[in-house]
């Protein structure tokens, strides 16, 4: 019998068929004539200037814009992280933004080395209101913009190039006049101009408008101007975006007195690359939002950009060492979740589910320890080299328990389903992983299949001990919380500690924080890492389930509490974690 051979795949058999989509409606981007471009040979070796626009661009893109309290929490987070330039609002857009700008100035919330920025359109009444919001500020920038792209000139403004340029010139002059009139010598004042829709504007016209603005502002030594070239809509490849920046950087006549700023949006999904290549092409500053918040597909992601630098051994000059706190605060302020696969910050980005990946990571950690020992150094002192992990998760506040879960993932989805379907418990993802390890250990030890009844019994024994068969150091009886005039909570808890009835008390920013302080009195050092809660059913008699992830004496553990009262459920969850730590 003659053996037959399969037909090989050729280029002809690989051909795609036409999609049938209406491609005739769209045209490609224009190339930039810059044959001697230099940016491809550059490397980013230092951090740029950063401007966070979370409180303006990010906030205006929310379904539910931030309340004053959420805006303040976001501002304080940005300051703690180290951002020195923060766009805090659009004061002429309404009383909420105006009042917020006034509040952080009048309450002394702005550190002396932080410059706030406010946005305005090029209308006199709006400019006056905008400058008025800055009275008393130490360091402030007014950011004026007008659209310069052909479609906007034709459709929106119905004006000529000269008309559009005049808007920018007149707006700049008005900003200067009102700053001179309203701001005192205590304010270090700066100016930023944006030819909006730069990505669709003819390069020579964008340059002409920027030069006209500079003619009015007169940048010189000690008097910079910020020229922001926004990719309001991302239109081209990142390489073409870089070409446009190199062309502008070469052709600006007062370049040494210009801070060239890049403001990418993510319409094509390449905002991070566009920002990085723009830096290579001469940009000095990047404007963006934490986790890419912003209009439509979002502004460029400042977290990813900063961590990309960190992963290459370049100090981003922004502190991401507690990335989960940054994520949780951002989620609270924006009321939007960060995707579990989000670079550097998502719940799952340091966790391998594949067995081969888990094995490689484990071997990588073993090799790091061996290499460090051979050199007489610690693991933290040698170059990071673990497969599948571009950075050490510990450097951003993640524990290795979230990574080293070799052979611990089997059945995680099924376990979570049983608890949610049968018992109305919707465990956070990391708690699912933690509990799956406990079930895995049980199945490894006993063999065979674990039933839903066994899963629930194991869960109760681990997290919800029967009061009649209590274990652990602390048994909670009653608790009372009061709020002082300073907004801080004081908690008083009656409990049994190590078999002795006692009263614990503490003060903090909320009942949980106060309870942590109370636990210090009995030698328990606990710190909150994550918290979530949900109701278990509808109706007035429903109970709440609270889940708390804690760092307790060097251990990272979850606890759960169930109670009709949400505060008491939270305290029970803390006790659950505390007792597990000493079990």
Protein backbone atom coordinates (compact mmCIF):
# COMPACT_ATOMS: atom_id res chain seq x y z
CA UNK A 1 0.00 0.00 0.00
CA UNK A 2 1.33 3.45 -0.96
CA UNK A 3 1.21 5.98 1.89
CA UNK A 4 -0.45 9.31 1.15
CA UNK A 5 0.91 12.59 2.44
CA UNK A 6 -1.23 15.53 3.64
CA UNK A 7 -1.43 18.62 1.46
CA UNK A 8 0.88 21.33 2.81
CA UNK A 9 -0.48 24.77 3.69
CA UNK A 10 0.65 27.41 1.22
CA UNK A 11 0.28 31.18 1.03
CA UNK A 12 -2.57 30.67 -1.42
CA UNK A 13 -4.55 28.58 1.06
CA UNK A 14 -3.97 31.14 3.82
CA UNK A 15 -5.64 34.06 1.99
CA UNK A 16 -8.34 35.89 3.92
CA UNK A 17 -11.59 36.77 2.23
CA UNK A 18 -12.92 40.35 2.01
CA UNK A 19 -14.92 41.29 5.11
CA UNK A 20 -17.71 43.11 3.31
CA UNK A 21 -17.46 46.00 5.79
CA UNK A 22 -17.83 49.59 4.40
CA UNK A 23 -14.13 50.42 4.25
CA UNK A 24 -14.79 53.07 1.55
CA UNK A 25 -15.99 55.43 4.32
CA UNK A 26 -12.54 55.76 5.87
CA UNK A 27 -9.11 56.91 4.79
CA UNK A 28 -5.65 56.14 6.06
CA UNK A 29 -3.51 58.52 8.09
CA UNK A 30 -1.03 60.89 6.48
CA UNK A 31 2.65 60.05 6.73
CA UNK A 32 5.16 62.65 7.95
CA UNK A 33 7.99 63.58 5.62
CA UNK A 34 10.90 63.17 8.01
CA UNK A 35 13.37 60.73 6.42
CA UNK A 36 16.15 61.57 8.91
CA UNK A 37 14.00 60.84 11.96
CA UNK A 38 16.09 60.13 15.06
CA UNK A 39 13.58 58.81 17.57
CA UNK A 40 13.94 55.09 16.65
CA UNK A 41 17.50 55.16 18.05
CA UNK A 42 16.52 56.78 21.35
CA UNK A 43 15.87 55.09 24.69
CA UNK A 44 13.89 56.37 27.66
CA UNK A 45 16.41 56.61 30.49
CA UNK A 46 14.64 58.99 32.87
CA UNK A 47 11.10 59.77 33.91
CA UNK A 48 9.20 62.53 32.11
CA UNK A 49 7.24 65.21 33.85
CA UNK A 50 3.83 63.78 34.68
CA UNK A 51 0.46 65.49 34.77
CA UNK A 52 -2.54 63.61 36.14
CA UNK A 53 -5.83 64.64 34.57
CA UNK A 54 -7.91 62.18 36.61
CA UNK A 55 -9.86 65.00 38.25
CA UNK A 56 -10.71 66.67 34.95
CA UNK A 57 -10.49 64.47 31.88
CA UNK A 58 -11.07 61.30 33.89
CA UNK A 59 -13.88 62.75 35.99
CA UNK A 60 -15.83 64.22 33.09
CA UNK A 61 -15.87 60.77 31.46
CA UNK A 62 -17.69 59.10 34.37
CA UNK A 63 -21.32 58.06 34.28
CA UNK A 64 -21.52 59.33 37.85
CA UNK A 65 -18.98 62.20 38.25
CA UNK A 66 -17.09 62.25 41.52
CA UNK A 67 -18.65 63.80 44.58
CA UNK A 68 -16.53 66.42 46.40
CA UNK A 69 -15.44 63.74 48.89
CA UNK A 70 -14.38 61.35 46.13
CA UNK A 71 -12.58 64.14 44.28
CA UNK A 72 -10.65 65.00 47.44
CA UNK A 73 -9.74 61.36 48.04
CA UNK A 74 -8.42 61.08 44.48
CA UNK A 75 -6.46 64.32 44.85
CA UNK A 76 -4.89 63.15 48.11
CA UNK A 77 -3.96 59.82 46.51
CA UNK A 78 -2.25 61.57 43.59
CA UNK A 79 -0.28 63.75 46.00
CA UNK A 80 0.79 60.72 48.08
CA UNK A 81 1.94 58.92 44.95
CA UNK A 82 4.17 61.86 44.04
CA UNK A 83 2.45 63.64 41.16
CA UNK A 84 3.67 67.25 41.07
CA UNK A 85 1.32 68.52 38.35
CA UNK A 86 -2.39 67.76 38.74
CA UNK A 87 -5.21 69.04 36.56
CA UNK A 88 -7.89 69.55 39.18
CA UNK A 89 -10.90 70.60 37.17
CA UNK A 90 -12.79 72.73 34.68
CA UNK A 91 -13.87 75.52 37.08
CA UNK A 92 -15.98 77.43 34.58
CA UNK A 93 -18.07 74.34 33.77
CA UNK A 94 -20.12 74.55 36.96
CA UNK A 95 -20.18 75.24 40.67
CA UNK A 96 -18.96 71.74 41.65
CA UNK A 97 -15.59 72.05 39.94
CA UNK A 98 -15.17 75.70 40.96
CA UNK A 99 -15.93 74.91 44.60
CA UNK A 100 -13.52 71.97 44.61
CA UNK A 101 -10.64 74.09 43.33
CA UNK A 102 -11.41 76.72 45.96
CA UNK A 103 -11.61 74.09 48.71
CA UNK A 104 -8.16 72.58 48.14
CA UNK A 105 -6.64 76.08 47.98
CA UNK A 106 -8.41 77.47 51.04
CA UNK A 107 -7.91 74.31 53.13
CA UNK A 108 -4.18 74.21 52.39
CA UNK A 109 -4.42 70.77 50.80
CA UNK A 110 -1.92 71.53 48.02
CA UNK A 111 1.73 70.91 48.96
CA UNK A 112 4.13 73.74 48.11
CA UNK A 113 5.83 71.70 45.38
CA UNK A 114 2.59 70.70 43.61
CA UNK A 115 1.23 72.75 40.71
CA UNK A 116 -2.49 72.59 40.05
CA UNK A 117 -3.83 73.10 36.54
CA UNK A 118 -7.30 74.19 35.42
CA UNK A 119 -8.82 73.95 31.95
CA UNK A 120 -10.75 76.59 30.05
CA UNK A 121 -12.16 77.26 26.62
CA UNK A 122 -11.13 80.46 24.84
CA UNK A 123 -14.11 82.62 25.89
CA UNK A 124 -13.61 85.71 28.03
CA UNK A 125 -16.29 84.95 30.63
CA UNK A 126 -14.98 81.41 31.07
CA UNK A 127 -11.37 82.58 31.28
CA UNK A 128 -12.23 85.14 33.97
CA UNK A 129 -14.09 82.52 36.04
CA UNK A 130 -11.21 80.07 35.61
CA UNK A 131 -8.52 82.49 36.77
CA UNK A 132 -10.77 83.57 39.65
CA UNK A 133 -10.79 79.97 40.94
CA UNK A 134 -7.00 80.16 41.45
CA UNK A 135 -6.86 83.18 43.76
CA UNK A 136 -4.48 82.39 46.62
CA UNK A 137 -2.90 79.32 45.00
CA UNK A 138 0.88 78.95 45.37
CA UNK A 139 1.55 77.31 42.00
CA UNK A 140 -1.07 77.22 39.25
CA UNK A 141 -1.39 76.81 35.49
CA UNK A 142 -4.24 77.82 33.22
CA UNK A 143 -4.70 75.41 30.34
CA UNK A 144 -6.46 76.94 27.33
CA UNK A 145 -7.48 74.99 24.27
CA UNK A 146 -9.29 75.36 20.98
CA UNK A 147 -9.82 72.83 18.21
CA UNK A 148 -7.65 73.37 15.12
CA UNK A 149 -8.42 70.37 12.88
CA UNK A 150 -9.97 70.84 9.42
CA UNK A 151 -13.23 69.04 10.24
CA UNK A 152 -13.75 71.26 13.28
CA UNK A 153 -12.89 74.40 11.33
CA UNK A 154 -15.42 73.46 8.67
CA UNK A 155 -18.22 71.78 10.66
CA UNK A 156 -18.09 73.18 14.19
CA UNK A 157 -16.68 76.71 13.93
CA UNK A 158 -17.21 77.41 10.21
CA UNK A 159 -14.14 79.58 10.28
CA UNK A 160 -10.90 80.04 8.37
CA UNK A 161 -7.43 79.16 9.60
CA UNK A 162 -6.91 82.81 10.53
CA UNK A 163 -10.14 82.79 12.54
CA UNK A 164 -9.06 79.73 14.48
CA UNK A 165 -5.58 81.11 15.12
CA UNK A 166 -7.10 84.36 16.36
CA UNK A 167 -9.17 82.44 18.93
CA UNK A 168 -5.95 81.01 20.38
CA UNK A 169 -4.16 84.37 20.33
CA UNK A 170 -7.04 86.28 21.92
CA UNK A 171 -7.56 83.57 24.54
CA UNK A 172 -3.89 83.67 25.51
CA UNK A 173 -3.97 87.45 25.86
CA UNK A 174 -7.09 87.27 28.03
CA UNK A 175 -5.53 84.67 30.32
CA UNK A 176 -2.54 86.98 30.84
CA UNK A 177 -4.76 90.00 31.49
CA UNK A 178 -6.95 88.25 34.05
CA UNK A 179 -3.96 86.64 35.77
CA UNK A 180 -2.40 90.11 36.11
CA UNK A 181 -5.70 91.52 37.42
CA UNK A 182 -6.80 88.76 39.82
CA UNK A 183 -3.73 86.87 41.06
CA UNK A 184 -1.29 88.19 43.61
CA UNK A 185 2.49 87.81 43.90
CA UNK A 186 2.04 84.73 46.07
CA UNK A 187 1.01 82.74 42.97
CA UNK A 188 3.64 81.27 40.66
CA UNK A 189 1.62 81.32 37.47
CA UNK A 190 2.06 79.26 34.30
CA UNK A 191 0.32 78.83 30.99
CA UNK A 192 -0.50 75.84 28.79
CA UNK A 193 -1.97 75.86 25.32
CA UNK A 194 -3.41 72.91 23.36
CA UNK A 195 -4.22 72.88 19.64
CA UNK A 196 -6.98 70.34 20.23
CA UNK A 197 -7.31 67.47 17.75
CA UNK A 198 -3.60 67.86 17.00
CA UNK A 199 -3.58 64.41 15.42
CA UNK A 200 -5.91 65.64 12.64
CA UNK A 201 -4.42 69.11 12.27
CA UNK A 202 -2.01 69.93 9.44
CA UNK A 203 1.46 70.07 10.98
CA UNK A 204 2.37 73.42 9.45
CA UNK A 205 -0.87 74.97 10.75
CA UNK A 206 -0.43 73.45 14.24
CA UNK A 207 3.05 75.00 14.29
CA UNK A 208 1.71 78.35 13.06
CA UNK A 209 -0.90 78.51 15.84
CA UNK A 210 1.60 77.48 18.54
CA UNK A 211 4.08 80.11 17.34
CA UNK A 212 1.36 82.78 17.40
CA UNK A 213 0.49 81.83 20.98
CA UNK A 214 4.16 81.98 21.94
CA UNK A 215 4.42 85.45 20.37
CA UNK A 216 1.82 86.60 22.91
CA UNK A 217 3.14 84.72 25.95
CA UNK A 218 6.81 85.47 25.13
CA UNK A 219 8.49 82.40 26.67
CA UNK A 220 12.06 82.99 27.83
CA UNK A 221 14.47 81.86 30.51
CA UNK A 222 12.39 81.33 33.67
CA UNK A 223 9.13 81.77 31.77
CA UNK A 224 8.24 78.52 30.07
CA UNK A 225 5.15 77.75 28.06
CA UNK A 226 3.58 74.29 27.96
CA UNK A 227 2.50 73.31 24.48
CA UNK A 228 0.32 70.24 24.70
CA UNK A 229 -0.22 68.30 21.45
CA UNK A 230 -3.22 66.09 22.20
CA UNK A 231 -4.18 62.92 20.42
CA UNK A 232 -7.76 63.84 21.25
CA UNK A 233 -8.70 61.02 18.90
CA UNK A 234 -5.96 58.46 18.23
CA UNK A 235 -5.69 58.30 14.44
CA UNK A 236 -2.38 56.71 13.45
CA UNK A 237 0.26 54.23 14.45
CA UNK A 238 2.47 55.20 17.40
CA UNK A 239 5.37 55.60 14.95
CA UNK A 240 3.54 58.32 13.02
CA UNK A 241 2.60 60.00 16.30
CA UNK A 242 6.31 60.05 17.15
CA UNK A 243 7.13 61.53 13.72
CA UNK A 244 4.70 64.39 14.37
CA UNK A 245 6.33 65.13 17.71
CA UNK A 246 9.84 65.08 16.28
CA UNK A 247 8.74 67.41 13.48
CA UNK A 248 7.18 69.87 15.93
CA UNK A 249 10.14 69.67 18.31
CA UNK A 250 12.54 70.47 15.47
CA UNK A 251 10.53 73.38 14.07
CA UNK A 252 9.47 75.32 17.18
CA UNK A 253 11.58 78.49 17.24
CA UNK A 254 11.78 78.81 21.05
CA UNK A 255 12.08 75.13 21.80
CA UNK A 256 14.39 75.56 24.80
CA UNK A 257 11.64 77.47 26.62
CA UNK A 258 8.83 75.08 25.66
CA UNK A 259 7.63 72.10 27.66
CA UNK A 260 6.28 69.81 24.94
CA UNK A 261 3.48 67.72 26.39
CA UNK A 262 1.86 64.55 25.04
CA UNK A 263 -1.80 63.76 25.76
CA UNK A 264 -2.78 60.46 24.07
CA UNK A 265 -6.20 58.88 24.02
CA UNK A 266 -6.61 55.19 23.35
CA UNK A 267 -8.97 54.95 20.38
CA UNK A 268 -6.66 52.54 18.53
CA UNK A 269 -5.54 50.78 21.70
CA UNK A 270 -1.96 52.03 21.39
CA UNK A 271 -1.91 55.07 23.69
CA UNK A 272 0.89 53.70 25.88
CA UNK A 273 3.11 53.03 22.87
CA UNK A 274 2.25 56.44 21.39
CA UNK A 275 3.26 58.17 24.63
CA UNK A 276 6.53 56.26 24.93
CA UNK A 277 7.51 56.90 21.33
CA UNK A 278 6.60 60.58 21.69
CA UNK A 279 9.04 60.78 24.62
CA UNK A 280 11.71 59.25 22.38
CA UNK A 281 10.83 61.89 19.79
CA UNK A 282 11.35 64.85 22.12
CA UNK A 283 8.28 65.21 24.37
CA UNK A 284 8.99 66.40 27.90
CA UNK A 285 5.76 65.62 29.73
CA UNK A 286 2.92 63.08 29.66
CA UNK A 287 -0.69 63.79 30.58
CA UNK A 288 -2.92 60.85 31.48
CA UNK A 289 -5.08 59.10 34.06
CA UNK A 290 -4.62 56.23 36.49
CA UNK A 291 -5.61 52.97 34.79
CA UNK A 292 -6.50 54.77 31.55
CA UNK A 293 -9.70 56.44 32.74
CA UNK A 294 -11.07 59.04 30.34
CA UNK A 295 -13.43 59.75 27.46
CA UNK A 296 -14.41 56.89 25.12
CA UNK A 297 -11.52 54.41 25.23
CA UNK A 298 -9.72 56.49 27.82
CA UNK A 299 -6.65 58.63 28.34
CA UNK A 300 -3.24 57.04 28.37
CA UNK A 301 -2.68 54.88 31.46
CA UNK A 302 -0.23 56.51 33.88
CA UNK A 303 0.11 53.32 35.94
CA UNK A 304 1.23 51.23 32.97
CA UNK A 305 3.60 53.96 31.75
CA UNK A 306 5.19 54.38 35.16
CA UNK A 307 5.52 50.67 35.80
CA UNK A 308 6.97 50.12 32.33
CA UNK A 309 9.81 52.46 33.34
CA UNK A 310 10.21 50.68 36.68
CA UNK A 311 10.43 47.28 34.95
CA UNK A 312 13.36 48.61 32.90
CA UNK A 313 15.27 49.92 35.91
CA UNK A 314 14.19 53.55 35.45
CA UNK A 315 12.76 55.35 38.49
CA UNK A 316 9.27 56.62 37.50
CA UNK A 317 9.45 59.10 40.40
CA UNK A 318 5.92 57.99 41.29
CA UNK A 319 5.28 55.54 44.13
CA UNK A 320 3.44 52.39 43.00
CA UNK A 321 4.66 50.27 45.93
CA UNK A 322 1.08 49.79 47.22
CA UNK A 323 -0.62 49.25 43.89
CA UNK A 324 -3.70 47.61 45.40
CA UNK A 325 -4.37 50.73 47.48
CA UNK A 326 -4.04 52.82 44.31
CA UNK A 327 -6.44 50.49 42.49
CA UNK A 328 -8.99 50.37 45.31
CA UNK A 329 -9.01 54.15 45.72
CA UNK A 330 -9.35 54.63 41.98
CA UNK A 331 -12.23 52.15 41.83
CA UNK A 332 -13.97 53.92 44.72
CA UNK A 333 -13.51 57.40 43.27
CA UNK A 334 -14.42 56.44 39.69
CA UNK A 335 -17.04 53.82 40.61
CA UNK A 336 -15.50 51.66 37.87
CA UNK A 337 -13.59 48.41 38.28
CA UNK A 338 -10.04 47.83 37.11
CA UNK A 339 -9.93 44.78 34.85
CA UNK A 340 -8.43 41.66 36.50
CA UNK A 341 -5.98 41.42 33.57
CA UNK A 342 -4.94 45.09 33.73
CA UNK A 343 -1.13 45.38 33.46
CA UNK A 344 0.66 45.41 36.82
CA UNK A 345 -2.49 46.06 38.90
CA UNK A 346 -5.16 43.50 37.96
CA UNK A 347 -6.08 40.76 40.43
CA UNK A 348 -4.80 38.03 38.12
CA UNK A 349 -1.67 39.52 36.53
CA UNK A 350 0.80 37.76 38.84
CA UNK A 351 -1.16 34.50 39.12
CA UNK A 352 -0.49 31.58 36.80
CA UNK A 353 -3.26 29.06 36.26
CA UNK A 354 -1.34 26.94 33.77
CA UNK A 355 0.58 24.08 35.36
CA UNK A 356 3.66 24.65 33.18
CA UNK A 357 3.69 28.35 34.06
CA UNK A 358 3.36 27.55 37.76
CA UNK A 359 6.26 25.12 37.55
CA UNK A 360 8.49 27.64 35.74
CA UNK A 361 7.70 30.36 38.28
CA UNK A 362 8.46 28.06 41.20
CA UNK A 363 11.78 27.07 39.63
CA UNK A 364 12.55 30.74 39.00
CA UNK A 365 12.09 31.58 42.68
CA UNK A 366 14.27 28.61 43.67
CA UNK A 367 17.00 29.75 41.25
CA UNK A 368 16.86 33.32 42.58
CA UNK A 369 17.38 32.07 46.12
CA UNK A 370 20.26 29.84 45.05
CA UNK A 371 21.95 32.63 43.05
CA UNK A 372 21.62 35.07 45.95
CA UNK A 373 23.06 32.57 48.41
CA UNK A 374 25.99 31.84 46.10
CA UNK A 375 26.77 35.57 45.92
CA UNK A 376 26.31 36.12 49.65
CA UNK A 377 23.52 38.60 48.98
CA UNK A 378 19.78 38.76 49.46
CA UNK A 379 17.25 38.09 46.71
CA UNK A 380 16.32 41.78 46.74
CA UNK A 381 19.90 42.73 45.89
CA UNK A 382 20.26 40.75 42.67
CA UNK A 383 18.70 41.18 39.23
CA UNK A 384 15.14 39.92 38.98
CA UNK A 385 14.83 36.88 36.71
CA UNK A 386 11.70 34.79 37.23
CA UNK A 387 9.87 33.33 34.21
CA UNK A 388 6.50 34.90 33.35
CA UNK A 389 6.87 37.67 35.96
CA UNK A 390 8.31 40.91 34.51
CA UNK A 391 8.64 42.43 38.01
CA UNK A 392 8.78 41.17 41.57
CA UNK A 393 5.15 41.32 42.80
CA UNK A 394 6.44 42.20 46.26
CA UNK A 395 7.68 45.54 44.88
CA UNK A 396 4.09 46.66 44.34
CA UNK A 397 2.77 45.28 47.62
CA UNK A 398 1.57 41.88 46.41
CA UNK A 399 2.31 38.77 48.43
CA UNK A 400 3.94 35.72 46.90
CA UNK A 401 0.93 33.70 48.01
CA UNK A 402 -0.91 35.28 45.08
CA UNK A 403 1.76 33.87 42.75
CA UNK A 404 3.05 30.58 44.13
CA UNK A 405 -0.05 28.46 43.94
CA UNK A 406 1.43 25.42 42.33
CA UNK A 407 -1.24 22.76 41.89
CA UNK A 408 -3.71 24.88 43.87
CA UNK A 409 -6.07 26.03 41.14
CA UNK A 410 -8.00 22.84 40.42
CA UNK A 411 -11.68 23.20 41.14
CA UNK A 412 -11.57 26.90 42.03
CA UNK A 413 -14.45 27.76 39.73
CA UNK A 414 -16.53 24.82 40.93
CA UNK A 415 -15.92 25.65 44.59
CA UNK A 416 -16.91 29.29 44.05
CA UNK A 417 -20.05 28.16 42.22
CA UNK A 418 -21.19 25.90 45.09
CA UNK A 419 -20.71 28.64 47.68
CA UNK A 420 -22.54 31.22 45.59
CA UNK A 421 -25.33 28.98 44.32
CA UNK A 422 -26.02 27.04 47.54
CA UNK A 423 -25.09 29.59 50.21
CA UNK A 424 -25.31 33.02 48.50
CA UNK A 425 -21.63 33.78 49.22
CA UNK A 426 -19.89 35.61 46.38
CA UNK A 427 -16.25 35.25 47.39
CA UNK A 428 -13.69 37.80 46.11
CA UNK A 429 -11.35 36.28 43.58
CA UNK A 430 -8.31 36.14 45.85
CA UNK A 431 -10.38 34.55 48.59
CA UNK A 432 -11.55 31.94 46.07
CA UNK A 433 -7.93 31.12 45.41
CA UNK A 434 -7.12 30.96 49.13
CA UNK A 435 -10.01 28.60 49.90
CA UNK A 436 -9.30 26.44 46.85
CA UNK A 437 -5.90 25.67 48.39
CA UNK A 438 -7.62 24.42 51.53
CA UNK A 439 -9.91 22.17 49.49
CA UNK A 440 -6.97 21.00 47.39
CA UNK A 441 -5.09 20.01 50.54
CA UNK A 442 -8.15 18.11 51.73
CA UNK A 443 -8.53 16.21 48.45
CA UNK A 444 -4.79 15.48 48.33
CA UNK A 445 -4.89 14.07 51.84
CA UNK A 446 -8.14 12.12 51.59
CA UNK A 447 -8.41 11.42 47.88
CA UNK A 448 -11.64 11.05 45.99
CA UNK A 449 -14.27 13.64 45.14
CA UNK A 450 -15.22 16.48 47.47
CA UNK A 451 -18.99 17.01 47.64
CA UNK A 452 -20.84 20.34 48.03
CA UNK A 453 -21.68 19.35 51.62
CA UNK A 454 -18.01 18.74 52.38
CA UNK A 455 -17.06 22.05 50.76
CA UNK A 456 -19.52 23.93 52.98
CA UNK A 457 -18.47 22.06 56.10
CA UNK A 458 -14.82 22.85 55.41
CA UNK A 459 -15.63 26.49 54.70
CA UNK A 460 -17.58 26.92 57.95
CA UNK A 461 -14.84 25.27 59.98
CA UNK A 462 -12.19 27.51 58.39
CA UNK A 463 -14.01 30.86 58.36
CA UNK A 464 -17.28 30.61 60.37
CA UNK A 465 -16.73 28.53 63.53
CA UNK A 466 -19.80 27.51 65.50
CA UNK A 467 -20.16 29.73 68.63
CA UNK A 468 -20.78 26.55 70.64
CA UNK A 469 -17.43 25.19 69.50
CA UNK A 470 -15.42 28.40 69.29
CA UNK A 471 -11.74 28.46 68.50
CA UNK A 472 -9.19 31.23 68.20
CA UNK A 473 -8.06 34.00 70.48
CA UNK A 474 -11.04 36.35 70.11
CA UNK A 475 -14.78 35.81 70.39
CA UNK A 476 -16.86 38.91 69.64
CA UNK A 477 -19.94 39.63 71.76
CA UNK A 478 -21.12 43.23 71.36
CA UNK A 479 -19.76 46.40 69.85
CA UNK A 480 -20.68 50.07 69.75
CA UNK A 481 -19.39 52.82 67.45
CA UNK A 482 -19.58 56.58 67.90
CA UNK A 483 -18.44 59.33 65.53
CA UNK A 484 -16.69 62.39 66.92
CA UNK A 485 -16.85 65.96 65.71
CA UNK A 486 -13.60 65.38 63.79
CA UNK A 487 -15.27 62.64 61.75
CA UNK A 488 -13.23 59.83 63.35
CA UNK A 489 -14.94 56.77 64.80
CA UNK A 490 -14.41 55.33 68.27
CA UNK A 491 -15.35 51.70 68.84
CA UNK A 492 -15.94 49.84 72.09
CA UNK A 493 -16.13 46.04 71.85
CA UNK A 494 -17.02 43.50 74.48
CA UNK A 495 -15.16 40.30 73.70
CA UNK A 496 -13.58 37.20 75.12
CA UNK A 497 -9.83 37.22 74.53
CA UNK A 498 -7.83 34.10 75.33
CA UNK A 499 -10.72 32.91 77.53
CA UNK A 500 -11.04 36.15 79.51
CA UNK A 501 -13.87 38.65 79.17
CA UNK A 502 -12.53 42.08 78.27
CA UNK A 503 -13.42 45.40 76.66
CA UNK A 504 -11.42 46.65 73.68
CA UNK A 505 -11.53 50.21 72.38
CA UNK A 506 -9.87 52.15 69.57
CA UNK A 507 -10.24 55.14 67.25
CA UNK A 508 -9.76 55.41 63.50
CA UNK A 509 -11.10 56.53 60.14
CA UNK A 510 -14.10 54.18 60.25
CA UNK A 511 -15.14 51.23 62.44
CA UNK A 512 -12.69 48.76 60.87
CA UNK A 513 -9.73 51.11 61.33
CA UNK A 514 -10.82 51.73 64.92
CA UNK A 515 -11.10 47.97 65.57
CA UNK A 516 -7.58 47.42 64.24
CA UNK A 517 -6.32 49.95 66.76
CA UNK A 518 -8.27 48.19 69.51
CA UNK A 519 -6.59 44.90 68.61
CA UNK A 520 -3.18 46.50 69.09
CA UNK A 521 -3.90 46.48 72.84
CA UNK A 522 -3.83 42.66 72.88
CA UNK A 523 -0.72 42.41 70.72
CA UNK A 524 -2.38 41.81 67.36
CA UNK A 525 -0.82 43.78 64.50
CA UNK A 526 -3.40 43.78 61.69
CA UNK A 527 -3.56 45.84 58.49
CA UNK A 528 -6.43 46.01 55.98
CA UNK A 529 -5.55 44.94 52.42
CA UNK A 530 -8.94 44.54 50.80
CA UNK A 531 -12.59 44.74 51.76
CA UNK A 532 -15.87 43.93 50.04
CA UNK A 533 -19.40 43.15 51.11
CA UNK A 534 -22.80 42.23 49.66
CA UNK A 535 -26.28 41.40 50.82
CA UNK A 536 -27.18 37.72 50.73
CA UNK A 537 -30.84 38.24 49.82
CA UNK A 538 -33.43 40.93 49.27
CA UNK A 539 -35.73 42.38 51.93
CA UNK A 540 -35.49 44.09 55.29
CA UNK A 541 -34.40 40.91 57.08
CA UNK A 542 -31.51 40.16 54.74
CA UNK A 543 -28.03 39.52 56.04
CA UNK A 544 -24.77 41.00 54.80
CA UNK A 545 -21.60 39.08 54.08
CA UNK A 546 -18.34 40.98 54.61
CA UNK A 547 -14.99 39.77 53.31
CA UNK A 548 -11.76 41.27 54.62
CA UNK A 549 -8.20 40.54 53.54
CA UNK A 550 -5.70 41.33 56.27
CA UNK A 551 -1.98 41.26 56.85
CA UNK A 552 -1.66 39.87 60.39
CA UNK A 553 1.76 39.39 61.93
CA UNK A 554 3.30 38.74 58.53
CA UNK A 555 0.50 36.50 57.25
CA UNK A 556 -2.00 37.44 54.54
CA UNK A 557 -5.40 35.95 55.34
CA UNK A 558 -9.06 36.43 54.52
CA UNK A 559 -11.87 36.53 57.03
CA UNK A 560 -15.63 36.53 56.59
CA UNK A 561 -18.44 37.80 58.75
CA UNK A 562 -22.18 37.35 58.30
CA UNK A 563 -24.67 39.53 60.15
CA UNK A 564 -27.80 41.60 59.59
CA UNK A 565 -25.75 44.65 60.61
CA UNK A 566 -23.04 45.50 58.08
CA UNK A 567 -20.67 47.01 60.65
CA UNK A 568 -20.96 43.95 62.88
CA UNK A 569 -20.42 41.70 59.83
CA UNK A 570 -17.20 43.61 59.12
CA UNK A 571 -15.97 43.18 62.69
CA UNK A 572 -16.77 39.48 62.54
CA UNK A 573 -14.75 39.25 59.33
CA UNK A 574 -11.74 40.83 61.07
CA UNK A 575 -12.11 38.39 63.99
CA UNK A 576 -12.34 35.50 61.50
CA UNK A 577 -9.02 36.52 59.94
CA UNK A 578 -7.39 37.19 63.33
CA UNK A 579 -8.41 33.79 64.69
CA UNK A 580 -7.22 32.03 61.55
CA UNK A 581 -3.82 33.69 61.95
CA UNK A 582 -3.34 32.11 65.38
CA UNK A 583 -4.92 28.75 64.59
